[in-house]
Protein backbone atom coordinates (compact mmCIF):
# COMPACT_ATOMS: atom_id res chain seq x y z
CA MET A 1 17.35 12.39 12.78
CA SER A 2 17.92 14.75 9.93
CA VAL A 3 17.63 18.29 10.03
CA THR A 4 15.53 18.23 6.75
CA TYR A 5 13.17 15.63 8.16
CA LYS A 6 12.74 18.00 11.67
CA ILE A 7 12.11 21.04 9.26
CA ALA A 8 9.50 19.10 6.92
CA SER A 9 7.57 17.28 9.87
CA ALA A 10 7.21 20.74 11.70
CA ILE A 11 5.87 22.30 8.34
CA VAL A 12 3.25 19.47 8.02
CA ARG A 13 2.30 19.96 11.68
CA LEU A 14 1.55 23.70 11.36
CA ALA A 15 -0.17 23.11 8.13
CA GLY A 16 -2.66 21.02 9.89
CA VAL A 17 -2.65 18.05 7.30
CA LYS A 18 -4.40 16.17 10.15
CA LYS A 19 -7.42 18.10 10.13
CA MET A 20 -8.25 16.43 6.68
CA PHE A 21 -8.90 13.18 8.34
CA LEU A 22 -11.26 14.55 10.76
CA LYS A 23 -13.82 14.84 7.72
CA ASN A 24 -16.87 13.08 8.13
CA LYS A 25 -17.88 10.35 5.40
CA GLU A 26 -19.65 12.85 3.15
CA GLU A 27 -16.97 15.59 3.39
CA MET A 28 -14.30 12.75 2.96
CA LEU A 29 -15.87 11.54 -0.28
CA GLU A 30 -16.50 14.91 -1.65
CA TYR A 31 -12.93 15.52 -0.94
CA ALA A 32 -11.67 12.46 -2.71
CA LYS A 33 -13.85 12.85 -5.77
CA LYS A 34 -12.33 16.42 -6.16
CA GLU A 35 -8.93 14.64 -6.06
CA ASN A 36 -9.91 11.98 -8.71
CA ALA A 37 -11.13 14.36 -10.99
CA LYS A 38 -7.46 16.06 -11.22
CA ALA A 39 -5.69 14.47 -13.97
CA VAL A 40 -2.74 12.37 -12.20
CA PHE A 41 -1.51 10.33 -15.08
CA ASP A 42 -1.51 11.12 -18.75
CA LEU A 43 -0.81 8.05 -20.67
CA ASP A 44 0.61 10.12 -23.79
CA LYS A 45 3.13 11.81 -21.90
CA ALA A 46 4.25 8.78 -19.89
CA ARG A 47 5.00 7.16 -22.90
CA LYS A 48 6.75 10.06 -24.39
CA ARG A 49 8.63 9.69 -21.05
CA ALA A 50 9.40 5.83 -21.46
CA GLU A 51 10.68 6.41 -25.06
CA ARG A 52 13.08 9.38 -24.09
CA LYS A 53 14.44 7.37 -21.18
CA LYS A 54 14.62 4.09 -23.21
CA TYR A 55 12.29 1.78 -21.60
CA TYR A 56 8.88 0.21 -22.23
CA LEU A 57 5.33 0.90 -21.16
CA ILE A 58 3.04 -1.93 -21.23
CA VAL A 59 -0.66 -0.94 -20.69
CA ARG A 60 -3.06 -3.71 -20.01
CA ASP A 61 -6.62 -3.80 -19.14
CA VAL A 62 -7.92 -5.98 -15.83
CA MET A 63 -11.85 -6.14 -15.30
CA GLY A 64 -12.15 -2.36 -16.84
CA TYR A 65 -9.10 -0.97 -14.85
CA ARG A 66 -5.67 0.25 -16.01
CA LEU A 67 -2.60 -1.89 -15.75
CA LEU A 68 0.82 -0.70 -16.53
CA SER A 69 4.07 -2.49 -16.79
CA TYR A 70 7.32 -0.73 -16.61
CA GLN A 71 9.92 -2.98 -18.67
CA LYS A 72 13.72 -2.12 -19.58
CA ASN A 73 13.30 -4.41 -22.66
CA LYS A 74 10.07 -5.03 -25.06
CA SER A 75 9.92 -8.64 -23.90
CA HIS A 76 9.20 -9.22 -20.27
CA ALA A 77 12.18 -9.58 -17.80
CA GLU A 78 12.56 -13.18 -15.45
CA GLU A 79 11.15 -11.40 -12.75
CA ALA A 80 8.66 -8.71 -11.54
CA VAL A 81 7.40 -6.33 -8.66
CA LEU A 82 3.48 -5.75 -8.34
CA HIS A 83 3.32 -2.23 -6.85
CA PHE A 84 -0.11 -1.11 -4.94
CA PHE A 85 -0.03 2.75 -4.27
CA GLY A 86 -1.32 4.22 -1.09
CA GLY A 87 -4.52 6.63 -0.59
CA GLY A 88 -6.71 5.27 1.95
CA MET A 89 -8.50 3.37 -0.58
CA ILE A 90 -10.42 6.64 -1.95
CA THR A 91 -7.53 8.60 -3.69
CA PRO A 92 -5.35 7.91 -6.79
CA PRO A 93 -1.71 7.60 -7.11
CA ASP A 94 0.65 10.72 -7.59
CA LYS A 95 3.91 11.64 -9.31
CA LEU A 96 6.01 10.03 -6.20
CA ASP A 97 4.36 6.43 -6.86
CA PHE A 98 5.12 6.69 -10.80
CA ALA A 99 8.75 7.76 -9.96
CA LEU A 100 9.31 5.30 -7.68
CA ALA A 101 7.98 2.53 -9.97
CA GLU A 102 10.21 3.66 -12.72
CA ARG A 103 12.95 3.90 -10.14
CA ILE A 104 12.72 0.31 -9.08
CA MET A 105 12.42 -0.83 -12.61
CA GLU A 106 15.80 1.17 -13.47
CA LYS A 107 17.67 -0.09 -10.30
CA THR A 108 16.53 -3.64 -10.21
CA GLY A 109 16.26 -4.67 -14.03
CA LYS A 110 12.52 -6.21 -13.28
CA ASP A 111 9.28 -5.29 -14.36
CA VAL A 112 7.33 -3.35 -12.41
CA TRP A 113 3.41 -3.67 -12.78
CA PHE A 114 1.44 -1.04 -11.58
CA LEU A 115 -2.50 -1.19 -10.93
CA PHE A 116 -5.02 1.57 -10.83
CA TYR A 117 -7.01 -0.68 -8.69
CA PRO A 118 -10.86 0.48 -7.94
CA LEU A 119 -11.07 3.29 -5.49
CA CYS A 120 -13.99 3.09 -2.54
CA SER A 121 -15.04 6.83 -3.50
CA GLU A 122 -16.06 5.47 -7.25
CA ASP A 123 -19.26 3.87 -5.56
CA VAL A 124 -17.51 0.23 -5.10
CA LYS A 125 -16.83 -1.60 -1.99
CA ILE A 126 -13.48 -2.68 -1.04
CA ASP A 127 -14.31 -6.48 -2.52
CA LYS A 128 -14.41 -5.10 -5.64
CA THR A 129 -10.90 -3.65 -4.90
CA TYR A 130 -9.75 -7.27 -4.01
CA GLU A 131 -11.08 -8.81 -6.85
CA VAL A 132 -9.38 -6.66 -9.15
CA SER A 133 -5.89 -6.61 -7.54
CA PHE A 134 -6.36 -10.43 -7.04
CA GLU A 135 -6.91 -10.93 -10.80
CA ALA A 136 -3.86 -8.65 -11.46
CA TYR A 137 -1.77 -11.03 -9.45
CA LYS A 138 -3.14 -13.81 -11.13
CA LEU A 139 -2.04 -12.50 -14.58
CA MET A 140 1.29 -12.02 -13.21
CA THR A 141 1.41 -15.65 -12.38
CA GLU A 142 0.54 -16.45 -16.07
CA THR A 143 3.55 -14.41 -17.08
CA TYR A 144 6.31 -15.05 -14.48
CA LYS A 145 7.10 -17.76 -11.76
CA ALA A 146 5.42 -16.94 -8.62
CA GLU A 147 8.63 -17.11 -6.73
CA ASN A 148 10.10 -14.42 -9.13
CA ILE A 149 7.31 -12.08 -8.10
CA SER A 150 7.87 -9.41 -5.16
CA VAL A 151 5.09 -7.44 -3.77
CA LEU A 152 5.15 -3.98 -2.49
CA GLY A 153 2.61 -1.63 -1.20
CA PHE A 154 2.40 1.60 0.73
CA SER A 155 -0.48 2.38 3.22
CA SER A 156 -3.78 1.12 1.83
CA GLY A 157 -1.72 -0.44 -0.93
CA ALA A 158 0.17 -2.33 1.92
CA GLY A 159 -2.73 -3.67 3.28
CA LEU A 160 -3.88 -5.20 -0.30
CA ALA A 161 -0.33 -6.37 -0.50
CA LEU A 162 -0.96 -8.69 2.42
CA GLY A 163 -4.92 -8.90 1.48
CA ILE A 164 -4.60 -10.52 -2.03
CA PHE A 165 -2.94 -13.50 -0.34
CA LEU A 166 -5.01 -13.69 2.72
CA HIS A 167 -7.82 -13.47 -0.10
CA ASN A 168 -5.99 -16.46 -1.73
CA ASN A 169 -5.95 -18.49 1.50
CA ALA A 170 -9.67 -17.59 2.01
CA LEU A 171 -10.53 -18.95 -1.57
CA GLY A 172 -8.82 -22.02 -1.20
CA ARG A 173 -5.12 -21.15 -2.54
CA PRO A 174 -6.00 -21.29 -6.12
CA LEU A 175 -2.59 -19.37 -6.99
CA PRO A 176 1.01 -19.75 -5.55
CA MET A 177 2.41 -17.54 -3.55
CA ALA A 178 4.67 -14.70 -4.31
CA GLY A 179 8.39 -14.87 -3.21
CA LYS A 180 8.24 -11.60 -1.37
CA ILE A 181 6.21 -8.96 0.06
CA ILE A 182 7.20 -5.48 1.45
CA SER A 183 4.33 -3.61 3.15
CA ILE A 184 5.03 -0.13 4.18
CA SER A 185 2.68 1.30 7.11
CA PRO A 186 -0.06 -1.09 6.96
CA GLY A 187 -3.03 -1.15 9.19
CA GLY A 188 -6.92 -2.12 9.65
CA LEU A 189 -10.00 -1.05 9.92
CA PRO A 190 -11.35 -2.74 12.95
CA ASP A 191 -14.91 -2.13 14.06
CA VAL A 192 -13.93 -0.32 17.22
CA SER A 193 -17.63 -0.79 18.83
CA LEU A 194 -16.55 -4.45 19.49
CA GLU A 195 -15.05 -5.20 22.58
CA GLU A 196 -12.18 -7.28 21.29
CA ASN A 197 -10.98 -4.27 19.48
CA LYS A 198 -11.16 -1.42 22.21
CA GLU A 199 -7.40 -2.34 22.94
CA ILE A 200 -6.24 -1.34 19.41
CA TRP A 201 -8.13 1.56 19.41
CA GLU A 202 -6.71 2.95 22.57
CA LYS A 203 -3.20 2.33 21.27
CA LEU A 204 -3.92 4.16 17.95
CA ASN A 205 -4.96 7.08 19.88
CA ALA A 206 -2.16 6.79 22.39
CA LEU A 207 -0.13 7.67 19.20
CA ASN A 208 -1.90 10.17 17.98
CA HIS A 209 0.07 13.09 19.40
CA LYS A 210 3.13 11.63 17.48
CA ASP A 211 1.73 11.42 14.12
CA ILE A 212 1.88 14.68 11.86
CA MET A 213 -0.74 13.27 9.06
CA ILE A 214 -3.20 11.05 10.29
CA GLU A 215 -5.97 11.10 12.96
CA PRO A 216 -7.43 7.86 14.28
CA SER A 217 -10.95 8.97 13.74
CA TYR A 218 -10.26 8.24 9.81
CA PHE A 219 -9.99 4.88 10.62
CA LYS A 220 -13.80 4.85 12.03
CA THR A 221 -14.87 6.96 8.65
CA ALA A 222 -12.60 4.69 6.15
CA ARG A 223 -14.54 1.66 7.50
CA GLU A 224 -17.70 3.01 6.60
CA ILE A 225 -16.67 4.18 3.26
CA VAL A 226 -14.94 1.00 2.13
CA LYS A 227 -17.80 -1.37 3.50
CA GLY A 228 -20.94 0.35 3.19
CA ASP A 229 -23.74 -1.72 4.00
CA GLU A 230 -22.06 -5.06 2.60
CA ASP A 231 -21.31 -8.17 4.56
CA LEU A 232 -17.77 -8.43 3.74
CA PRO A 233 -14.89 -10.72 5.06
CA GLU A 234 -13.34 -9.45 7.86
CA TYR A 235 -9.88 -9.89 6.67
CA MET A 236 -10.73 -7.22 3.95
CA LEU A 237 -11.18 -4.64 6.55
CA ASP A 238 -8.32 -5.76 8.88
CA GLY A 239 -5.83 -7.60 7.71
CA THR A 240 -4.56 -8.93 11.48
CA LYS A 241 -7.75 -10.94 11.40
CA GLY A 242 -6.61 -12.99 8.05
CA ASP A 243 -4.81 -16.30 7.79
CA PHE A 244 -1.42 -16.05 7.11
CA SER A 245 -0.69 -19.60 6.34
CA ASP A 246 2.39 -20.29 3.70
CA PHE A 247 3.29 -16.32 3.68
CA PRO A 248 6.66 -15.76 1.73
CA LYS A 249 9.06 -13.70 3.91
CA THR A 250 7.63 -10.28 4.64
CA TYR A 251 8.84 -7.02 5.68
CA PHE A 252 6.70 -4.62 7.67
CA TYR A 253 7.87 -1.16 7.33
CA TYR A 254 6.64 1.53 9.87
CA GLY A 255 7.61 5.17 11.27
CA GLU A 256 7.62 4.89 14.97
CA ASN A 257 5.46 8.14 15.03
CA GLU A 258 2.63 7.03 13.20
CA CYS A 259 -0.21 5.89 14.49
CA LEU A 260 -0.65 2.79 12.34
CA TYR A 261 2.37 1.76 14.17
CA ALA A 262 -0.04 0.50 16.75
CA PHE A 263 -0.71 -2.57 14.08
CA ALA A 264 2.69 -3.53 14.12
CA GLU A 265 2.39 -6.02 17.21
CA TYR A 266 -0.89 -7.61 15.88
CA PHE A 267 0.83 -8.50 12.67
CA LYS A 268 3.47 -9.79 14.69
CA LYS A 269 1.33 -11.83 16.47
CA ALA A 270 -0.63 -13.24 13.23
CA MET A 271 2.63 -14.36 11.45
CA GLU A 272 3.87 -16.15 14.59
CA LYS A 273 0.34 -17.94 14.79
CA TYR A 274 0.82 -19.20 11.03
CA LYS A 275 4.43 -19.66 11.53
CA ALA A 276 5.03 -17.30 8.76
CA PRO A 277 8.51 -15.67 8.20
CA TYR A 278 8.74 -11.67 8.65
CA LYS A 279 10.75 -8.62 9.66
CA ILE A 280 9.43 -5.66 11.23
CA ILE A 281 11.47 -2.25 10.52
CA VAL A 282 10.83 0.71 12.52
CA GLY A 283 12.02 4.12 11.32
CA GLU A 284 13.10 6.03 14.57
CA GLY A 285 10.92 9.04 14.94
CA MET A 286 9.61 8.77 11.13
CA CYS A 287 6.13 9.39 9.71
CA HIS A 288 3.55 7.55 7.91
CA CYS A 289 4.92 5.92 4.74
CA TYR A 290 8.59 7.87 5.15
CA PRO A 291 10.15 5.35 2.54
CA LEU A 292 8.12 7.12 -0.24
CA LEU A 293 9.95 10.25 0.42
CA ARG A 294 13.50 10.71 -0.81
CA PHE A 295 14.21 14.41 0.04
CA PHE A 296 15.11 13.77 3.51
CA ARG A 297 18.08 11.12 4.68
CA GLU A 298 16.10 8.67 6.49
CA GLY A 299 13.43 8.32 3.55
CA ARG A 300 16.17 7.91 0.93
CA GLN A 301 18.02 5.25 2.91
CA ALA A 302 15.05 3.53 3.55
CA GLN A 303 13.67 3.52 0.10
CA ASP A 304 17.04 2.44 -1.32
CA LYS A 305 17.26 -0.55 1.05
CA ILE A 306 14.00 -1.40 0.00
CA ILE A 307 14.89 -1.42 -3.52
CA GLU A 308 18.19 -3.46 -2.54
CA LEU A 309 15.80 -6.09 -1.33
CA LEU A 310 13.48 -6.17 -4.26
CA LYS A 311 16.80 -6.79 -6.26
CA GLN A 312 17.41 -9.95 -4.39
């Protein structure tokens, strides 16, 4: 483990980042609304940056939500990446997410589609997030061959990267499957009041002392937020309960020291149940979504490997 990572993880732990995830539903929504009120993306500045760096930024609308396409050329490429940011379904993307989208476009030559999907802190429930995300993928299939589309997601976005295809299966497979899925730190929001979910709850808590960022109690709060009083399909809340039939090769990335790593074995069982090809990559001693971070060696190497996978 690199010295830089050890120092950074110690700072995060001392800063008490985990305390944020102990907030109740009302406190968490208040926090999210404050974060959402901040200017995280300035389209004019983004366009000027694209012009300066000599690429194209195409803006589309999907059901009232912004969809960006980072392109090396004015006309679309033959292949593309659909990129879902993380944020617990309640907070918006940040500079790291946009920087990665740009980097993927530059390094792979593929178009990168970046969706500002509906957040559940905006008085919508997760079925709306799924509807818009699925529609964005549908739009991609009208521009690219499905086998030339890769889907990448981080954290809650990792759930969506898997979830839109679980949704596709639930709808009777109206759309062709993508060529590849890369899901970084996906988890689920199981109903832990049910006996069948006691085991995963225990495993989440067993990893809590290693996790420098997330408290397992947040999963209970998040389920309240994204579900509300709606009667929603369980796969939208806990992806391990979905139908993985005909999934393309799927890569799961986890940090060994994140509580979400507890979900890895359940995704493994689900993929094997439906005979779907997969690979699980575990970062030794690493934290949640470590491939998003380039300032330490392990994150940088993992991100570069992911970009190589996207090139293929």
